[in-house]
Amino acid sequence: MSLLKTAPIEVVSDSIAIHATVNGQPVTFVLDTGDAIGPVFTAADAARLHLVQGAPLGVEGAGGASTACQATATIEFDNVTFPDEPSAIDTQLQGQSLLGLPFFLAKAAAFGFDLADGQLFLLAK
């Protein structure tokens, strides 16, 4: 296993914001530990990133049924790239796109945040 310093982060409005590049464009995600999908893009980010809406996901959460559709995106951090990452577009999502816990569970044995230095760390599987 190897430790990868993967992304700059910052705390914004009591949320962890993770800076990444998606399909060659900068994106700021908000970490969503309750998300069941992984990367979820707002309609605005999806349009800017030229993401293609796929089939509906049929996900339901505490807030009710989701309007999320399947998508794929290439997500890059400082020193690691995840091509064709299964993602979703939620046309009703307001604010920033979300990077859910399932993304990290699939990619890392462990992950953590250095809030003082503003870095996300992954321990690769």
Protein backbone atom coordinates (compact mmCIF):
# COMPACT_ATOMS: atom_id res chain seq x y z
CA MET A 1 0.00 0.00 0.00
CA SER A 2 1.19 3.50 -0.71
CA LEU A 3 0.20 6.89 0.60
CA LEU A 4 -0.94 9.33 -2.06
CA LYS A 5 -1.35 13.06 -1.44
CA THR A 6 -4.24 13.46 -3.78
CA ALA A 7 -6.17 16.70 -3.55
CA PRO A 8 -6.28 20.16 -2.07
CA ILE A 9 -9.22 20.73 0.28
CA GLU A 10 -10.66 23.55 2.32
CA VAL A 11 -13.44 23.98 4.84
CA VAL A 12 -16.24 26.10 3.38
CA SER A 13 -19.46 26.76 5.32
CA ASP A 14 -18.73 23.82 7.65
CA SER A 15 -18.26 21.43 4.70
CA ILE A 16 -15.13 19.85 3.26
CA ALA A 17 -14.61 21.13 -0.29
CA ILE A 18 -12.38 18.91 -2.47
CA HIS A 19 -10.74 20.44 -5.54
CA ALA A 20 -10.39 18.19 -8.58
CA THR A 21 -10.28 18.22 -12.35
CA VAL A 22 -13.13 16.52 -14.19
CA ASN A 23 -12.93 15.95 -17.94
CA GLY A 24 -10.15 18.55 -18.01
CA GLN A 25 -12.10 21.25 -16.15
CA PRO A 26 -11.74 22.38 -12.50
CA VAL A 27 -14.53 21.26 -10.17
CA THR A 28 -15.02 21.78 -6.45
CA PHE A 29 -16.89 18.91 -4.81
CA VAL A 30 -18.44 18.87 -1.36
CA LEU A 31 -17.71 15.66 0.56
CA ASP A 32 -21.00 13.85 1.19
CA THR A 33 -20.52 10.93 3.58
CA GLY A 34 -24.22 9.99 3.31
CA ASP A 35 -24.20 9.73 -0.49
CA ALA A 36 -24.89 6.26 -1.88
CA ILE A 37 -23.69 6.87 -5.43
CA GLY A 38 -20.23 8.45 -5.49
CA PRO A 39 -19.66 11.53 -7.67
CA VAL A 40 -22.95 13.40 -8.21
CA PHE A 41 -22.94 16.41 -10.51
CA THR A 42 -25.31 19.36 -10.58
CA ALA A 43 -27.04 20.11 -13.89
CA ALA A 44 -24.82 23.18 -14.32
CA ASP A 45 -21.58 21.23 -13.77
CA ALA A 46 -22.81 18.40 -16.01
CA ALA A 47 -23.48 20.84 -18.86
CA ARG A 48 -20.12 22.62 -18.38
CA LEU A 49 -18.28 19.28 -18.31
CA HIS A 50 -20.21 17.87 -21.29
CA LEU A 51 -21.45 14.88 -19.31
CA VAL A 52 -24.05 12.69 -21.01
CA GLN A 53 -27.15 11.70 -19.05
CA GLY A 54 -27.73 7.97 -19.03
CA ALA A 55 -30.51 5.87 -17.58
CA PRO A 56 -32.29 6.95 -14.36
CA LEU A 57 -30.74 5.49 -11.21
CA GLY A 58 -33.93 5.04 -9.19
CA VAL A 59 -32.26 6.02 -5.92
CA GLU A 60 -34.36 7.03 -2.94
CA GLY A 61 -33.05 8.63 0.21
CA ALA A 62 -34.22 10.48 3.28
CA GLY A 63 -35.35 13.37 1.09
CA GLY A 64 -37.42 11.13 -1.18
CA ALA A 65 -36.90 9.87 -4.72
CA SER A 66 -33.90 11.20 -6.62
CA THR A 67 -33.89 12.46 -10.19
CA ALA A 68 -30.33 11.21 -10.69
CA CYS A 69 -29.24 9.67 -14.00
CA GLN A 70 -26.15 7.63 -14.78
CA ALA A 71 -23.05 9.31 -16.19
CA THR A 72 -19.30 8.73 -16.40
CA ALA A 73 -16.48 11.20 -15.89
CA THR A 74 -12.69 11.21 -15.67
CA ILE A 75 -11.77 12.55 -12.24
CA GLU A 76 -8.22 13.76 -11.53
CA PHE A 77 -6.54 14.85 -8.35
CA ASP A 78 -2.97 16.14 -8.00
CA ASN A 79 -1.26 12.84 -8.70
CA VAL A 80 -3.92 10.26 -9.59
CA THR A 81 -6.54 9.85 -12.34
CA PHE A 82 -9.73 7.78 -12.27
CA PRO A 83 -10.92 7.38 -15.88
CA ASP A 84 -14.55 6.63 -16.77
CA GLU A 85 -15.69 6.87 -13.15
CA PRO A 86 -19.34 5.81 -12.66
CA SER A 87 -21.16 8.97 -11.63
CA ALA A 88 -24.56 10.59 -11.61
CA ILE A 89 -26.20 13.80 -12.69
CA ASP A 90 -28.93 15.12 -10.40
CA THR A 91 -30.81 17.92 -12.13
CA GLN A 92 -32.44 18.94 -8.84
CA LEU A 93 -29.17 19.15 -6.87
CA GLN A 94 -28.50 22.71 -5.77
CA GLY A 95 -25.14 24.17 -4.76
CA GLN A 96 -22.00 22.23 -5.55
CA SER A 97 -21.48 18.78 -6.99
CA LEU A 98 -20.93 16.03 -4.42
CA LEU A 99 -18.19 13.47 -3.97
CA GLY A 100 -19.71 10.64 -1.99
CA LEU A 101 -18.19 8.16 0.38
CA PRO A 102 -18.61 5.21 -2.07
CA PHE A 103 -15.98 6.81 -4.32
CA PHE A 104 -13.40 6.67 -1.52
CA LEU A 105 -14.45 3.21 -0.30
CA ALA A 106 -13.80 1.79 -3.78
CA LYS A 107 -10.43 3.51 -4.18
CA ALA A 108 -8.72 3.49 -0.81
CA ALA A 109 -7.90 1.33 2.17
CA ALA A 110 -8.06 4.53 4.23
CA PHE A 111 -8.42 8.24 3.68
CA GLY A 112 -8.03 11.32 5.82
CA PHE A 113 -7.81 15.06 5.87
CA ASP A 114 -5.05 17.38 6.96
CA LEU A 115 -7.18 20.43 7.68
CA ALA A 116 -4.20 22.56 8.73
CA ASP A 117 -2.38 22.01 5.40
CA GLY A 118 -5.56 21.66 3.32
CA GLN A 119 -4.88 18.21 1.88
CA LEU A 120 -6.83 15.00 1.32
CA PHE A 121 -4.79 11.81 1.68
CA LEU A 122 -5.62 8.34 0.35
CA LEU A 123 -3.95 5.09 1.33
CA ALA A 124 -4.17 3.12 -1.90
CA LYS A 125 -5.47 -0.44 -1.77
